[in-house]
Amino acid sequence: MKHTEQIYLTPMPVRIWHWLNAFGIVTLCVTALQIRFPEYVNIFGTYKAAIRLHNTAGVVVSISYALWLIYYMFVARTMLKLYVPTLEDIKSGLFRQAFFYFFYYFKGGPNPHHSTPDSKFNPLQKASYLVIMFVLLPLVVFSGYVLMYVAPLREIFIVIGGIKTLVSVHYLIACCFCAFLFVHIYLATLGHTPFAHFKPMWNGWEEEEVEDEQGAIPGAGPVPVTQPHGVARHSGTTETA
C-alpha cells in the first residue's frame, strides 16, 4: 500500500523569486522573438517598445538573480548542498535519474530521488541548475548589459569580430534558456500526478508517495513527524498500490 506525505519544501522567499524570475525570463524570450525576427513577429507594437520591455525584463532578472545568490549564500546557507552535485551524484546518480526519466517512469517505476528540504533536487537537476545559474545566466546578463551600453566598448568589439559576435553569443545563450524552459515544464509534470511538482511553488508543500511501513494502519489520520531541521512532515490519506 502507498500513502502520500507532505513536506514543506519551498519557503516563501524562494517561491516569490521563482515566479519573478520565471515571468522575467518568459518576457525576455517573447520580446526577443520580435527583436530577432521583426519582419515576422509584432507583439508589442514598435520595435523600440520590444527593446525597452526586453531591457526592463533583463534588469528584473538580473536583480532577481542577485537576490537568489544573497538568499542561498547568506540567509539559507545551503547553496553548495542544494546545487553542487556530489561524487555519488556524478558516479551513478545522473545515470539512475536519466534512466528513470526516459524509461522507468513510463513503466510506473518509483523515482529514485525523494525530495527533502536539505536535498530538494535530484542529480540531473543539480547538474542542470549548476550550469544554468552559475554559467549561462551570468553570461546572458553580462552580455545583455554590454549590449545596452555598447558605445564605450565599440573599439574592443571591433578587435574580437564586431558587435555581431556578441549578439550571436547572447542569442545562442538565450536559445538555451528557451529550450530549458520547455524541458523544465515537461519534467515538472512527471510526479505521481501531473501537478504534484507544481504545488510546492504555490503553497510550499510537496506531495510524495511512500510505501506504508509494516504494521501501519491503513486509513490512519495525518500524523505529524518532526524532522531534524524542525520542519513538519505530515502523512496523508492512504491510497491503493
C-alpha atoms as a PDB file:
ATOM      1  CA  MET A   1       0.000   0.000   0.000  1.00  0.00           C
ATOM      2  CA  LYS A   2       1.035   3.574  -0.602  1.00  0.00           C
ATOM      3  CA  HIS A   3       0.185   6.824   1.090  1.00  0.00           C
ATOM      4  CA  THR A   4       1.161  10.435   0.481  1.00  0.00           C
ATOM      5  CA  GLU A   5       3.285  12.569   2.738  1.00  0.00           C
ATOM      6  CA  GLN A   6       3.545  16.341   2.582  1.00  0.00           C
ATOM      7  CA  ILE A   7       6.915  18.011   3.047  1.00  0.00           C
ATOM      8  CA  TYR A   8       7.357  21.756   3.420  1.00  0.00           C
ATOM      9  CA  LEU A   9       9.914  22.087   0.648  1.00  0.00           C
ATOM     10  CA  THR A  10       9.861  25.638  -0.720  1.00  0.00           C
ATOM     11  CA  PRO A  11       9.935  28.680   1.607  1.00  0.00           C
ATOM     12  CA  MET A  12       8.067  31.851   0.679  1.00  0.00           C
ATOM     13  CA  PRO A  13      11.162  33.863  -0.435  1.00  0.00           C
ATOM     14  CA  VAL A  14      12.121  31.106  -2.879  1.00  0.00           C
ATOM     15  CA  ARG A  15       8.591  30.922  -4.289  1.00  0.00           C
ATOM     16  CA  ILE A  16       8.488  34.686  -4.838  1.00  0.00           C
ATOM     17  CA  TRP A  17      11.896  34.586  -6.523  1.00  0.00           C
ATOM     18  CA  HIS A  18      10.888  31.650  -8.728  1.00  0.00           C
ATOM     19  CA  TRP A  19       7.806  33.320 -10.194  1.00  0.00           C
ATOM     20  CA  LEU A  20       9.500  36.697 -10.556  1.00  0.00           C
ATOM     21  CA  ASN A  21      12.372  35.030 -12.379  1.00  0.00           C
ATOM     22  CA  ALA A  22      10.037  32.887 -14.497  1.00  0.00           C
ATOM     23  CA  PHE A  23       7.962  35.911 -15.543  1.00  0.00           C
ATOM     24  CA  GLY A  24      11.124  37.824 -16.413  1.00  0.00           C
ATOM     25  CA  ILE A  25      12.615  35.011 -18.494  1.00  0.00           C
ATOM     26  CA  VAL A  26       9.365  34.397 -20.393  1.00  0.00           C
ATOM     27  CA  THR A  27       9.158  38.133 -21.133  1.00  0.00           C
ATOM     28  CA  LEU A  28      12.750  38.084 -22.356  1.00  0.00           C
ATOM     29  CA  CYS A  29      12.047  35.125 -24.649  1.00  0.00           C
ATOM     30  CA  VAL A  30       8.883  36.641 -26.142  1.00  0.00           C
ATOM     31  CA  THR A  31      10.371  40.115 -26.678  1.00  0.00           C
ATOM     32  CA  ALA A  32      13.499  38.523 -28.144  1.00  0.00           C
ATOM     33  CA  LEU A  33      11.358  36.938 -30.857  1.00  0.00           C
ATOM     34  CA  GLN A  34      10.225  40.356 -32.053  1.00  0.00           C
ATOM     35  CA  ILE A  35      13.734  41.809 -31.759  1.00  0.00           C
ATOM     36  CA  ARG A  36      15.287  38.922 -33.684  1.00  0.00           C
ATOM     37  CA  PHE A  37      12.521  38.463 -36.261  1.00  0.00           C
ATOM     38  CA  PRO A  38      10.755  41.848 -36.540  1.00  0.00           C
ATOM     39  CA  GLU A  39       9.508  41.075 -40.053  1.00  0.00           C
ATOM     40  CA  TYR A  40       7.578  38.032 -38.786  1.00  0.00           C
ATOM     41  CA  VAL A  41       6.706  38.865 -35.153  1.00  0.00           C
ATOM     42  CA  ASN A  42       4.963  42.037 -33.973  1.00  0.00           C
ATOM     43  CA  ILE A  43       3.540  41.502 -30.499  1.00  0.00           C
ATOM     44  CA  PHE A  44       4.468  44.741 -28.739  1.00  0.00           C
ATOM     45  CA  GLY A  45       3.784  47.267 -31.465  1.00  0.00           C
ATOM     46  CA  THR A  46       7.004  49.033 -32.344  1.00  0.00           C
ATOM     47  CA  TYR A  47      10.498  47.602 -32.447  1.00  0.00           C
ATOM     48  CA  LYS A  48      11.656  50.148 -29.863  1.00  0.00           C
ATOM     49  CA  ALA A  49       8.860  49.105 -27.487  1.00  0.00           C
ATOM     50  CA  ALA A  50      10.037  45.496 -27.663  1.00  0.00           C
ATOM     51  CA  ILE A  51      13.619  46.575 -26.918  1.00  0.00           C
ATOM     52  CA  ARG A  52      12.545  48.708 -23.944  1.00  0.00           C
ATOM     53  CA  LEU A  53      10.488  45.870 -22.463  1.00  0.00           C
ATOM     54  CA  HIS A  54      13.314  43.400 -23.156  1.00  0.00           C
ATOM     55  CA  ASN A  55      15.819  45.619 -21.352  1.00  0.00           C
ATOM     56  CA  THR A  56      13.454  46.133 -18.412  1.00  0.00           C
ATOM     57  CA  ALA A  57      12.884  42.405 -18.069  1.00  0.00           C
ATOM     58  CA  GLY A  58      16.656  41.882 -18.223  1.00  0.00           C
ATOM     59  CA  VAL A  59      17.179  44.274 -15.324  1.00  0.00           C
ATOM     60  CA  VAL A  60      14.445  42.499 -13.328  1.00  0.00           C
ATOM     61  CA  VAL A  61      16.041  39.088 -13.955  1.00  0.00           C
ATOM     62  CA  SER A  62      19.499  40.355 -13.002  1.00  0.00           C
ATOM     63  CA  ILE A  63      18.180  41.832  -9.730  1.00  0.00           C
ATOM     64  CA  SER A  64      16.269  38.610  -9.090  1.00  0.00           C
ATOM     65  CA  TYR A  65      19.474  36.637  -9.657  1.00  0.00           C
ATOM     66  CA  ALA A  66      21.352  38.809  -7.161  1.00  0.00           C
ATOM     67  CA  LEU A  67      18.614  38.260  -4.558  1.00  0.00           C
ATOM     68  CA  TRP A  68      18.769  34.499  -5.204  1.00  0.00           C
ATOM     69  CA  LEU A  69      22.527  34.486  -4.611  1.00  0.00           C
ATOM     70  CA  ILE A  70      22.204  36.508  -1.411  1.00  0.00           C
ATOM     71  CA  TYR A  71      19.437  34.293  -0.048  1.00  0.00           C
ATOM     72  CA  TYR A  72      21.148  30.955  -0.628  1.00  0.00           C
ATOM     73  CA  MET A  73      24.654  32.126   0.270  1.00  0.00           C
ATOM     74  CA  PHE A  74      23.988  34.287   3.336  1.00  0.00           C
ATOM     75  CA  VAL A  75      20.453  33.570   4.595  1.00  0.00           C
ATOM     76  CA  ALA A  76      19.723  29.876   3.984  1.00  0.00           C
ATOM     77  CA  ARG A  77      23.428  28.996   3.518  1.00  0.00           C
ATOM     78  CA  THR A  78      22.528  25.904   1.518  1.00  0.00           C
ATOM     79  CA  MET A  79      23.954  26.859  -1.886  1.00  0.00           C
ATOM     80  CA  LEU A  80      26.606  24.126  -2.062  1.00  0.00           C
ATOM     81  CA  LYS A  81      24.397  21.442  -0.530  1.00  0.00           C
ATOM     82  CA  LEU A  82      21.486  22.037  -2.897  1.00  0.00           C
ATOM     83  CA  TYR A  83      23.134  22.972  -6.183  1.00  0.00           C
ATOM     84  CA  VAL A  84      26.504  21.213  -6.383  1.00  0.00           C
ATOM     85  CA  PRO A  85      26.398  17.505  -7.369  1.00  0.00           C
ATOM     86  CA  THR A  86      28.172  15.130  -5.000  1.00  0.00           C
ATOM     87  CA  LEU A  87      30.640  12.456  -6.082  1.00  0.00           C
ATOM     88  CA  GLU A  88      27.860   9.867  -5.745  1.00  0.00           C
ATOM     89  CA  ASP A  89      25.619  12.013  -7.951  1.00  0.00           C
ATOM     90  CA  ILE A  90      28.278  12.074 -10.661  1.00  0.00           C
ATOM     91  CA  LYS A  91      29.223   8.387 -10.417  1.00  0.00           C
ATOM     92  CA  SER A  92      25.756   6.857 -10.530  1.00  0.00           C
ATOM     93  CA  GLY A  93      23.017   9.346  -9.643  1.00  0.00           C
ATOM     94  CA  LEU A  94      22.973  11.096 -13.023  1.00  0.00           C
ATOM     95  CA  PHE A  95      22.528   7.853 -14.960  1.00  0.00           C
ATOM     96  CA  ARG A  96      19.993   6.453 -12.482  1.00  0.00           C
ATOM     97  CA  GLN A  97      17.847   9.585 -12.724  1.00  0.00           C
ATOM     98  CA  ALA A  98      18.167   9.701 -16.527  1.00  0.00           C
ATOM     99  CA  PHE A  99      17.017   6.082 -16.813  1.00  0.00           C
ATOM    100  CA  PHE A 100      14.025   6.937 -14.642  1.00  0.00           C
ATOM    101  CA  TYR A 101      13.005   9.883 -16.827  1.00  0.00           C
ATOM    102  CA  PHE A 102      13.480   8.090 -20.139  1.00  0.00           C
ATOM    103  CA  PHE A 103      12.410   4.550 -19.263  1.00  0.00           C
ATOM    104  CA  TYR A 104      11.290   3.577 -15.750  1.00  0.00           C
ATOM    105  CA  TYR A 105       8.798   6.433 -15.361  1.00  0.00           C
ATOM    106  CA  PHE A 106       6.766   5.089 -18.304  1.00  0.00           C
ATOM    107  CA  LYS A 107       6.744   1.623 -16.721  1.00  0.00           C
ATOM    108  CA  GLY A 108       5.428   3.009 -13.438  1.00  0.00           C
ATOM    109  CA  GLY A 109       8.747   2.707 -11.615  1.00  0.00           C
ATOM    110  CA  PRO A 110       9.496   4.774  -8.486  1.00  0.00           C
ATOM    111  CA  ASN A 111      11.526   7.953  -8.641  1.00  0.00           C
ATOM    112  CA  PRO A 112      14.997   7.181  -7.242  1.00  0.00           C
ATOM    113  CA  HIS A 113      15.166  10.635  -5.671  1.00  0.00           C
ATOM    114  CA  HIS A 114      12.994  11.679  -2.704  1.00  0.00           C
ATOM    115  CA  SER A 115      12.961  15.396  -2.060  1.00  0.00           C
ATOM    116  CA  THR A 116      13.689  16.829   1.371  1.00  0.00           C
ATOM    117  CA  PRO A 117      14.377  20.438   2.424  1.00  0.00           C
ATOM    118  CA  ASP A 118      18.092  19.546   2.576  1.00  0.00           C
ATOM    119  CA  SER A 119      18.083  17.646  -0.749  1.00  0.00           C
ATOM    120  CA  LYS A 120      15.464  19.242  -2.969  1.00  0.00           C
ATOM    121  CA  PHE A 121      16.988  18.395  -6.337  1.00  0.00           C
ATOM    122  CA  ASN A 122      17.881  15.111  -7.969  1.00  0.00           C
ATOM    123  CA  PRO A 123      21.348  14.711  -9.565  1.00  0.00           C
ATOM    124  CA  LEU A 124      20.173  15.767 -13.038  1.00  0.00           C
ATOM    125  CA  GLN A 125      18.501  18.855 -11.613  1.00  0.00           C
ATOM    126  CA  LYS A 126      21.643  19.761  -9.684  1.00  0.00           C
ATOM    127  CA  ALA A 127      23.820  19.454 -12.790  1.00  0.00           C
ATOM    128  CA  SER A 128      21.338  21.428 -14.906  1.00  0.00           C
ATOM    129  CA  TYR A 129      20.846  24.219 -12.375  1.00  0.00           C
ATOM    130  CA  LEU A 130      24.597  24.426 -11.798  1.00  0.00           C
ATOM    131  CA  VAL A 131      25.137  25.189 -15.489  1.00  0.00           C
ATOM    132  CA  ILE A 132      22.075  27.436 -15.791  1.00  0.00           C
ATOM    133  CA  MET A 133      22.556  29.509 -12.634  1.00  0.00           C
ATOM    134  CA  PHE A 134      26.345  29.732 -12.497  1.00  0.00           C
ATOM    135  CA  VAL A 135      27.355  29.770 -16.165  1.00  0.00           C
ATOM    136  CA  LEU A 136      24.576  30.630 -18.618  1.00  0.00           C
ATOM    137  CA  LEU A 137      22.623  33.161 -16.557  1.00  0.00           C
ATOM    138  CA  PRO A 138      25.682  35.258 -15.588  1.00  0.00           C
ATOM    139  CA  LEU A 139      26.824  35.175 -19.233  1.00  0.00           C
ATOM    140  CA  VAL A 140      23.469  36.245 -20.650  1.00  0.00           C
ATOM    141  CA  VAL A 141      23.128  39.010 -18.033  1.00  0.00           C
ATOM    142  CA  PHE A 142      26.658  40.271 -18.698  1.00  0.00           C
ATOM    143  CA  SER A 143      26.284  40.179 -22.476  1.00  0.00           C
ATOM    144  CA  GLY A 144      22.886  41.861 -22.197  1.00  0.00           C
ATOM    145  CA  TYR A 145      24.235  44.778 -20.153  1.00  0.00           C
ATOM    146  CA  VAL A 146      27.151  45.178 -22.562  1.00  0.00           C
ATOM    147  CA  LEU A 147      24.689  45.376 -25.480  1.00  0.00           C
ATOM    148  CA  MET A 148      22.687  48.007 -23.580  1.00  0.00           C
ATOM    149  CA  TYR A 149      25.808  50.167 -23.157  1.00  0.00           C
ATOM    150  CA  VAL A 150      27.846  49.098 -26.165  1.00  0.00           C
ATOM    151  CA  ALA A 151      29.147  52.510 -27.290  1.00  0.00           C
ATOM    152  CA  PRO A 152      32.073  52.830 -24.799  1.00  0.00           C
ATOM    153  CA  LEU A 153      33.319  49.331 -25.754  1.00  0.00           C
ATOM    154  CA  ARG A 154      32.910  49.629 -29.513  1.00  0.00           C
ATOM    155  CA  GLU A 155      36.673  49.530 -30.218  1.00  0.00           C
ATOM    156  CA  ILE A 156      37.066  46.305 -28.220  1.00  0.00           C
ATOM    157  CA  PHE A 157      34.309  44.608 -30.202  1.00  0.00           C
ATOM    158  CA  ILE A 158      35.942  45.597 -33.477  1.00  0.00           C
ATOM    159  CA  VAL A 159      39.041  43.671 -32.365  1.00  0.00           C
ATOM    160  CA  ILE A 160      37.093  40.479 -31.495  1.00  0.00           C
ATOM    161  CA  GLY A 161      34.977  40.448 -34.635  1.00  0.00           C
ATOM    162  CA  GLY A 162      32.442  43.217 -34.209  1.00  0.00           C
ATOM    163  CA  ILE A 163      29.204  43.574 -32.292  1.00  0.00           C
ATOM    164  CA  LYS A 164      27.655  40.718 -34.282  1.00  0.00           C
ATOM    165  CA  THR A 165      29.854  38.302 -32.336  1.00  0.00           C
ATOM    166  CA  LEU A 166      28.414  39.466 -29.032  1.00  0.00           C
ATOM    167  CA  VAL A 167      24.868  39.469 -30.422  1.00  0.00           C
ATOM    168  CA  SER A 168      25.314  35.896 -31.648  1.00  0.00           C
ATOM    169  CA  VAL A 169      26.643  34.730 -28.263  1.00  0.00           C
ATOM    170  CA  HIS A 170      23.768  36.450 -26.460  1.00  0.00           C
ATOM    171  CA  TYR A 171      21.249  34.907 -28.864  1.00  0.00           C
ATOM    172  CA  LEU A 172      22.651  31.376 -28.555  1.00  0.00           C
ATOM    173  CA  ILE A 173      22.593  31.528 -24.747  1.00  0.00           C
ATOM    174  CA  ALA A 174      19.018  32.820 -24.912  1.00  0.00           C
ATOM    175  CA  CYS A 175      18.090  29.825 -27.092  1.00  0.00           C
ATOM    176  CA  CYS A 176      19.482  27.548 -24.387  1.00  0.00           C
ATOM    177  CA  PHE A 177      17.207  29.251 -21.855  1.00  0.00           C
ATOM    178  CA  CYS A 178      14.171  28.809 -24.108  1.00  0.00           C
ATOM    179  CA  ALA A 179      14.959  25.112 -24.531  1.00  0.00           C
ATOM    180  CA  PHE A 180      15.480  24.721 -20.790  1.00  0.00           C
ATOM    181  CA  LEU A 181      12.131  26.370 -20.115  1.00  0.00           C
ATOM    182  CA  PHE A 182      10.222  23.778 -22.155  1.00  0.00           C
ATOM    183  CA  VAL A 183      12.175  20.848 -20.688  1.00  0.00           C
ATOM    184  CA  HIS A 184      11.736  22.252 -17.178  1.00  0.00           C
ATOM    185  CA  ILE A 185       7.956  22.455 -17.550  1.00  0.00           C
ATOM    186  CA  TYR A 186       7.725  18.978 -19.063  1.00  0.00           C
ATOM    187  CA  LEU A 187       9.821  17.309 -16.357  1.00  0.00           C
ATOM    188  CA  ALA A 188       7.756  19.083 -13.696  1.00  0.00           C
ATOM    189  CA  THR A 189       4.744  17.051 -14.871  1.00  0.00           C
ATOM    190  CA  LEU A 190       6.469  13.721 -14.108  1.00  0.00           C
ATOM    191  CA  GLY A 191       5.342  13.464 -10.495  1.00  0.00           C
ATOM    192  CA  HIS A 192       2.867  10.942  -9.122  1.00  0.00           C
ATOM    193  CA  THR A 193       0.283  13.357 -10.556  1.00  0.00           C
ATOM    194  CA  PRO A 194       0.892  15.880 -13.370  1.00  0.00           C
ATOM    195  CA  PHE A 195       0.686  18.831 -10.956  1.00  0.00           C
ATOM    196  CA  ALA A 196       2.408  17.313  -7.910  1.00  0.00           C
ATOM    197  CA  HIS A 197       5.673  19.162  -8.572  1.00  0.00           C
ATOM    198  CA  PHE A 198       3.913  22.457  -9.312  1.00  0.00           C
ATOM    199  CA  LYS A 199       2.220  22.692  -5.910  1.00  0.00           C
ATOM    200  CA  PRO A 200       5.394  23.468  -3.915  1.00  0.00           C
ATOM    201  CA  MET A 201       5.817  26.623  -5.970  1.00  0.00           C
ATOM    202  CA  TRP A 202       2.324  27.760  -4.954  1.00  0.00           C
ATOM    203  CA  ASN A 203       1.999  26.741  -1.313  1.00  0.00           C
ATOM    204  CA  GLY A 204       5.429  25.367  -0.410  1.00  0.00           C
ATOM    205  CA  TRP A 205       4.259  21.784   0.233  1.00  0.00           C
ATOM    206  CA  GLU A 206       5.477  18.808  -1.812  1.00  0.00           C
ATOM    207  CA  GLU A 207       3.337  15.676  -2.006  1.00  0.00           C
ATOM    208  CA  GLU A 208       5.290  12.431  -2.111  1.00  0.00           C
ATOM    209  CA  GLU A 209       4.088   8.851  -2.427  1.00  0.00           C
ATOM    210  CA  VAL A 210       5.746   6.438   0.002  1.00  0.00           C
ATOM    211  CA  GLU A 211       5.228   2.782   0.839  1.00  0.00           C
ATOM    212  CA  ASP A 212       3.446   2.009   4.102  1.00  0.00           C
ATOM    213  CA  GLU A 213       5.698   0.567   6.789  1.00  0.00           C
ATOM    214  CA  GLN A 214       4.945  -2.940   8.040  1.00  0.00           C
ATOM    215  CA  GLY A 215       2.304  -2.775  10.709  1.00  0.00           C
ATOM    216  CA  ALA A 216       0.988   0.602   9.671  1.00  0.00           C
ATOM    217  CA  ILE A 217      -2.743   1.029   9.998  1.00  0.00           C
ATOM    218  CA  PRO A 218      -4.389   1.739   6.615  1.00  0.00           C
ATOM    219  CA  GLY A 219      -6.550   4.825   6.618  1.00  0.00           C
ATOM    220  CA  ALA A 220      -4.910   6.321   9.689  1.00  0.00           C
ATOM    221  CA  GLY A 221      -5.269  10.083  10.004  1.00  0.00           C
ATOM    222  CA  PRO A 222      -2.482  12.598   9.469  1.00  0.00           C
ATOM    223  CA  VAL A 223       0.405  12.120  11.886  1.00  0.00           C
ATOM    224  CA  PRO A 224       2.980  14.917  12.104  1.00  0.00           C
ATOM    225  CA  VAL A 225       6.594  13.782  12.334  1.00  0.00           C
ATOM    226  CA  THR A 226       9.131  16.349  13.472  1.00  0.00           C
ATOM    227  CA  GLN A 227      12.190  16.473  11.225  1.00  0.00           C
ATOM    228  CA  PRO A 228      15.702  17.234  12.492  1.00  0.00           C
ATOM    229  CA  HIS A 229      15.577  20.668  10.868  1.00  0.00           C
ATOM    230  CA  GLY A 230      12.290  21.480  12.578  1.00  0.00           C
ATOM    231  CA  VAL A 231      10.015  21.181   9.554  1.00  0.00           C
ATOM    232  CA  ALA A 232       6.788  19.246   9.981  1.00  0.00           C
ATOM    233  CA  ARG A 233       6.161  16.275   7.713  1.00  0.00           C
ATOM    234  CA  HIS A 234       2.569  15.008   7.509  1.00  0.00           C
ATOM    235  CA  SER A 235       1.160  11.739   6.334  1.00  0.00           C
ATOM    236  CA  GLY A 236      -1.855  11.976   4.059  1.00  0.00           C
ATOM    237  CA  THR A 237      -4.688   9.680   3.015  1.00  0.00           C
ATOM    238  CA  THR A 238      -3.779   6.098   2.223  1.00  0.00           C
ATOM    239  CA  GLU A 239      -4.034   5.165  -1.450  1.00  0.00           C
ATOM    240  CA  THR A 240      -4.128   1.828  -3.216  1.00  0.00           C
ATOM    241  CA  ALA A 241      -0.952   0.332  -4.615  1.00  0.00           C
END
